[in-house]
Amino acid sequence: MQVRPLVPADVRILIPAFLDAFNGPPWHDQWTEASAQRYLGGFAANPAARLFGIFDHDTPCGGLVGQIRHWWTGSECFIDELFIAPAHQGRGLGRALVDGAERLLAAEGIAALTLLTERDSAAERFYLGRGFEHRERLGFMSRMCDLQGR
């Protein structure tokens, strides 16, 4: 397995793994190739984007898409998406992808990895097992837009 940095145009090679990872269990999303291209391509278009793929020879098995954020305590990479295609899960590829991306980011002077994930999920357990910690002072908030009152 090899972790490689990618360029924005490489988003297209990650889409099959992304679709496999999120359209099946446990997420059961309904991504199409077009919506995944818009979604991942939107992240990739940001000059602060960092993209990584994990490959078995030349076969893309998963990806990590993040954004560099500069903070007063140092720069961080906020992980927008991390995914491994189900056919490749359970072999340590997620760990290898996070570790490989971290090494490449640290070489750029990136001091931290941050993310949001669903509580009490396999994803949360994965990240906790990789040394990520909860920040109890922070809370995720959202508000739906009133589209009727445009």
C-alpha atoms as a PDB file:
ATOM      1  CA  MET A   1       0.000   0.000   0.000  1.00  0.00           C
ATOM      2  CA  GLN A   2       1.197   3.465  -0.854  1.00  0.00           C
ATOM      3  CA  VAL A   3      -0.137   6.863   0.262  1.00  0.00           C
ATOM      4  CA  ARG A   4       0.273   9.517  -2.403  1.00  0.00           C
ATOM      5  CA  PRO A   5      -0.481  13.235  -2.440  1.00  0.00           C
ATOM      6  CA  LEU A   6      -2.919  14.099  -5.208  1.00  0.00           C
ATOM      7  CA  VAL A   7      -3.756  17.179  -7.252  1.00  0.00           C
ATOM      8  CA  PRO A   8      -7.294  18.568  -7.735  1.00  0.00           C
ATOM      9  CA  ALA A   9      -7.738  16.828 -11.095  1.00  0.00           C
ATOM     10  CA  ASP A  10      -7.167  13.482  -9.329  1.00  0.00           C
ATOM     11  CA  VAL A  11     -10.516  13.748  -7.514  1.00  0.00           C
ATOM     12  CA  ARG A  12     -12.037  11.700 -10.355  1.00  0.00           C
ATOM     13  CA  ILE A  13      -9.912   8.649  -9.466  1.00  0.00           C
ATOM     14  CA  LEU A  14     -11.176   8.739  -5.854  1.00  0.00           C
ATOM     15  CA  ILE A  15     -14.873   8.818  -6.762  1.00  0.00           C
ATOM     16  CA  PRO A  16     -15.424   5.036  -7.136  1.00  0.00           C
ATOM     17  CA  ALA A  17     -13.976   4.375  -3.646  1.00  0.00           C
ATOM     18  CA  PHE A  18     -15.992   7.307  -2.233  1.00  0.00           C
ATOM     19  CA  LEU A  19     -19.241   5.966  -3.734  1.00  0.00           C
ATOM     20  CA  ASP A  20     -18.547   2.437  -2.472  1.00  0.00           C
ATOM     21  CA  ALA A  21     -17.701   3.703   1.017  1.00  0.00           C
ATOM     22  CA  PHE A  22     -20.684   5.992   1.542  1.00  0.00           C
ATOM     23  CA  ASN A  23     -23.512   4.497  -0.529  1.00  0.00           C
ATOM     24  CA  GLY A  24     -23.383   1.216   1.387  1.00  0.00           C
ATOM     25  CA  PRO A  25     -23.575   0.382   5.084  1.00  0.00           C
ATOM     26  CA  PRO A  26     -23.410   1.978   7.564  1.00  0.00           C
ATOM     27  CA  TRP A  27     -24.091   5.339   5.873  1.00  0.00           C
ATOM     28  CA  HIS A  28     -26.491   4.382   3.042  1.00  0.00           C
ATOM     29  CA  ASP A  29     -26.019   7.728   1.278  1.00  0.00           C
ATOM     30  CA  GLN A  30     -27.243   8.266  -2.274  1.00  0.00           C
ATOM     31  CA  TRP A  31     -24.252   9.838  -4.005  1.00  0.00           C
ATOM     32  CA  THR A  32     -24.026   9.821  -7.789  1.00  0.00           C
ATOM     33  CA  GLU A  33     -20.818  10.260  -9.734  1.00  0.00           C
ATOM     34  CA  ALA A  34     -21.901  13.818 -10.576  1.00  0.00           C
ATOM     35  CA  SER A  35     -22.774  14.800  -6.993  1.00  0.00           C
ATOM     36  CA  ALA A  36     -19.568  13.235  -5.648  1.00  0.00           C
ATOM     37  CA  GLN A  37     -17.553  15.120  -8.278  1.00  0.00           C
ATOM     38  CA  ARG A  38     -19.201  18.416  -7.251  1.00  0.00           C
ATOM     39  CA  TYR A  39     -18.709  17.659  -3.547  1.00  0.00           C
ATOM     40  CA  LEU A  40     -15.087  16.480  -3.620  1.00  0.00           C
ATOM     41  CA  GLY A  41     -14.219  18.828  -6.472  1.00  0.00           C
ATOM     42  CA  GLY A  42     -15.468  21.760  -4.399  1.00  0.00           C
ATOM     43  CA  PHE A  43     -13.001  20.901  -1.643  1.00  0.00           C
ATOM     44  CA  ALA A  44     -10.214  20.246  -4.127  1.00  0.00           C
ATOM     45  CA  ALA A  45     -10.737  23.622  -5.851  1.00  0.00           C
ATOM     46  CA  ASN A  46      -9.713  25.453  -2.671  1.00  0.00           C
ATOM     47  CA  PRO A  47      -6.036  26.455  -2.794  1.00  0.00           C
ATOM     48  CA  ALA A  48      -5.777  25.273   0.830  1.00  0.00           C
ATOM     49  CA  ALA A  49      -6.951  21.757  -0.092  1.00  0.00           C
ATOM     50  CA  ARG A  50      -4.806  18.699   0.499  1.00  0.00           C
ATOM     51  CA  LEU A  51      -5.759  15.404  -1.136  1.00  0.00           C
ATOM     52  CA  PHE A  52      -4.267  11.998  -0.526  1.00  0.00           C
ATOM     53  CA  GLY A  53      -5.023   8.593  -1.935  1.00  0.00           C
ATOM     54  CA  ILE A  54      -4.054   5.136  -0.758  1.00  0.00           C
ATOM     55  CA  PHE A  55      -3.265   2.696  -3.539  1.00  0.00           C
ATOM     56  CA  ASP A  56      -2.789  -1.035  -3.880  1.00  0.00           C
ATOM     57  CA  HIS A  57      -0.370  -0.911  -6.800  1.00  0.00           C
ATOM     58  CA  ASP A  58      -2.278   1.481  -9.087  1.00  0.00           C
ATOM     59  CA  THR A  59      -5.757   0.749  -7.700  1.00  0.00           C
ATOM     60  CA  PRO A  60      -7.152   3.602  -5.565  1.00  0.00           C
ATOM     61  CA  CYS A  61      -8.543   2.080  -2.364  1.00  0.00           C
ATOM     62  CA  GLY A  62      -9.513   5.260  -0.522  1.00  0.00           C
ATOM     63  CA  GLY A  63      -8.797   8.900   0.073  1.00  0.00           C
ATOM     64  CA  LEU A  64      -8.395  11.733   2.511  1.00  0.00           C
ATOM     65  CA  VAL A  65      -9.533  15.242   1.580  1.00  0.00           C
ATOM     66  CA  GLY A  66      -8.706  18.127   3.887  1.00  0.00           C
ATOM     67  CA  GLN A  67      -8.183  21.852   4.112  1.00  0.00           C
ATOM     68  CA  ILE A  68      -5.254  23.690   5.668  1.00  0.00           C
ATOM     69  CA  ARG A  69      -6.322  26.202   8.289  1.00  0.00           C
ATOM     70  CA  HIS A  70      -3.912  28.655   9.852  1.00  0.00           C
ATOM     71  CA  TRP A  71      -4.551  29.204  13.542  1.00  0.00           C
ATOM     72  CA  TRP A  72      -2.701  31.218  16.171  1.00  0.00           C
ATOM     73  CA  THR A  73      -1.326  27.997  17.694  1.00  0.00           C
ATOM     74  CA  GLY A  74      -0.120  26.701  14.318  1.00  0.00           C
ATOM     75  CA  SER A  75      -1.503  25.311  11.098  1.00  0.00           C
ATOM     76  CA  GLU A  76      -3.864  22.363  11.008  1.00  0.00           C
ATOM     77  CA  CYS A  77      -5.447  20.168   8.376  1.00  0.00           C
ATOM     78  CA  PHE A  78      -9.201  19.843   8.824  1.00  0.00           C
ATOM     79  CA  ILE A  79     -10.205  16.464   7.392  1.00  0.00           C
ATOM     80  CA  ASP A  80     -13.356  16.919   5.341  1.00  0.00           C
ATOM     81  CA  GLU A  81     -13.559  13.302   4.191  1.00  0.00           C
ATOM     82  CA  LEU A  82     -11.702  10.070   4.849  1.00  0.00           C
ATOM     83  CA  PHE A  83     -12.884   6.878   3.182  1.00  0.00           C
ATOM     84  CA  ILE A  84     -11.770   3.384   2.313  1.00  0.00           C
ATOM     85  CA  ALA A  85     -13.756   1.289  -0.185  1.00  0.00           C
ATOM     86  CA  PRO A  86     -15.448  -1.623   1.654  1.00  0.00           C
ATOM     87  CA  ALA A  87     -13.542  -4.232  -0.380  1.00  0.00           C
ATOM     88  CA  HIS A  88     -10.327  -2.869   1.137  1.00  0.00           C
ATOM     89  CA  GLN A  89     -11.509  -2.274   4.712  1.00  0.00           C
ATOM     90  CA  GLY A  90     -10.204  -4.259   7.662  1.00  0.00           C
ATOM     91  CA  ARG A  91      -6.637  -4.393   6.339  1.00  0.00           C
ATOM     92  CA  GLY A  92      -5.196  -1.319   8.069  1.00  0.00           C
ATOM     93  CA  LEU A  93      -5.558   0.985   5.079  1.00  0.00           C
ATOM     94  CA  GLY A  94      -7.384   3.676   7.060  1.00  0.00           C
ATOM     95  CA  ARG A  95      -4.556   3.748   9.605  1.00  0.00           C
ATOM     96  CA  ALA A  96      -1.962   3.797   6.845  1.00  0.00           C
ATOM     97  CA  LEU A  97      -3.787   6.630   5.068  1.00  0.00           C
ATOM     98  CA  VAL A  98      -4.013   8.804   8.192  1.00  0.00           C
ATOM     99  CA  ASP A  99      -0.396   8.078   9.148  1.00  0.00           C
ATOM    100  CA  GLY A 100       0.911   8.678   5.625  1.00  0.00           C
ATOM    101  CA  ALA A 101      -1.036  11.918   5.204  1.00  0.00           C
ATOM    102  CA  GLU A 102       0.151  13.072   8.631  1.00  0.00           C
ATOM    103  CA  ARG A 103       3.806  12.479   7.662  1.00  0.00           C
ATOM    104  CA  LEU A 104       3.394  14.436   4.428  1.00  0.00           C
ATOM    105  CA  LEU A 105       1.536  17.253   6.194  1.00  0.00           C
ATOM    106  CA  ALA A 106       4.074  17.435   9.026  1.00  0.00           C
ATOM    107  CA  ALA A 107       6.777  17.940   6.375  1.00  0.00           C
ATOM    108  CA  GLU A 108       4.797  21.081   5.388  1.00  0.00           C
ATOM    109  CA  GLY A 109       4.767  22.262   9.000  1.00  0.00           C
ATOM    110  CA  ILE A 110       1.165  21.251   9.699  1.00  0.00           C
ATOM    111  CA  ALA A 111       0.892  20.780  13.458  1.00  0.00           C
ATOM    112  CA  ALA A 112      -2.492  19.046  13.859  1.00  0.00           C
ATOM    113  CA  LEU A 113      -5.261  17.060  12.213  1.00  0.00           C
ATOM    114  CA  THR A 114      -8.854  17.975  13.101  1.00  0.00           C
ATOM    115  CA  LEU A 115     -12.259  16.661  12.026  1.00  0.00           C
ATOM    116  CA  LEU A 116     -15.910  16.134  12.837  1.00  0.00           C
ATOM    117  CA  THR A 117     -17.440  12.676  13.018  1.00  0.00           C
ATOM    118  CA  GLU A 118     -20.592  10.987  14.238  1.00  0.00           C
ATOM    119  CA  ARG A 119     -20.549  10.097  17.928  1.00  0.00           C
ATOM    120  CA  ASP A 120     -20.838   6.460  19.020  1.00  0.00           C
ATOM    121  CA  SER A 121     -19.928   5.188  15.566  1.00  0.00           C
ATOM    122  CA  ALA A 122     -17.270   2.953  14.077  1.00  0.00           C
ATOM    123  CA  ALA A 123     -15.742   6.119  12.610  1.00  0.00           C
ATOM    124  CA  GLU A 124     -15.448   7.702  16.062  1.00  0.00           C
ATOM    125  CA  ARG A 125     -13.846   4.540  17.447  1.00  0.00           C
ATOM    126  CA  PHE A 126     -11.410   4.507  14.521  1.00  0.00           C
ATOM    127  CA  TYR A 127     -10.315   8.097  15.164  1.00  0.00           C
ATOM    128  CA  LEU A 128     -10.044   7.600  18.918  1.00  0.00           C
ATOM    129  CA  GLY A 129      -7.840   4.576  18.211  1.00  0.00           C
ATOM    130  CA  ARG A 130      -5.617   6.785  16.043  1.00  0.00           C
ATOM    131  CA  GLY A 131      -4.999   9.241  18.894  1.00  0.00           C
ATOM    132  CA  PHE A 132      -7.684  11.814  18.095  1.00  0.00           C
ATOM    133  CA  GLU A 133      -9.329  13.342  21.167  1.00  0.00           C
ATOM    134  CA  HIS A 134     -12.649  15.006  21.881  1.00  0.00           C
ATOM    135  CA  ARG A 135     -12.523  18.728  22.487  1.00  0.00           C
ATOM    136  CA  GLU A 136     -15.206  19.062  25.129  1.00  0.00           C
ATOM    137  CA  ARG A 137     -15.361  22.857  24.848  1.00  0.00           C
ATOM    138  CA  LEU A 138     -16.437  22.603  21.218  1.00  0.00           C
ATOM    139  CA  GLY A 139     -19.864  21.666  19.957  1.00  0.00           C
ATOM    140  CA  PHE A 140     -21.203  21.101  16.472  1.00  0.00           C
ATOM    141  CA  MET A 141     -24.093  23.419  15.665  1.00  0.00           C
ATOM    142  CA  SER A 142     -26.305  23.827  12.617  1.00  0.00           C
ATOM    143  CA  ARG A 143     -29.365  25.713  11.516  1.00  0.00           C
ATOM    144  CA  MET A 144     -31.567  24.948   8.540  1.00  0.00           C
ATOM    145  CA  CYS A 145     -32.194  27.852   6.167  1.00  0.00           C
ATOM    146  CA  ASP A 146     -35.729  29.111   5.718  1.00  0.00           C
ATOM    147  CA  LEU A 147     -36.058  28.515   1.990  1.00  0.00           C
ATOM    148  CA  GLN A 148     -39.724  29.541   1.998  1.00  0.00           C
ATOM    149  CA  GLY A 149     -38.937  33.097   3.143  1.00  0.00           C
ATOM    150  CA  ARG A 150     -36.416  33.855   0.417  1.00  0.00           C
END
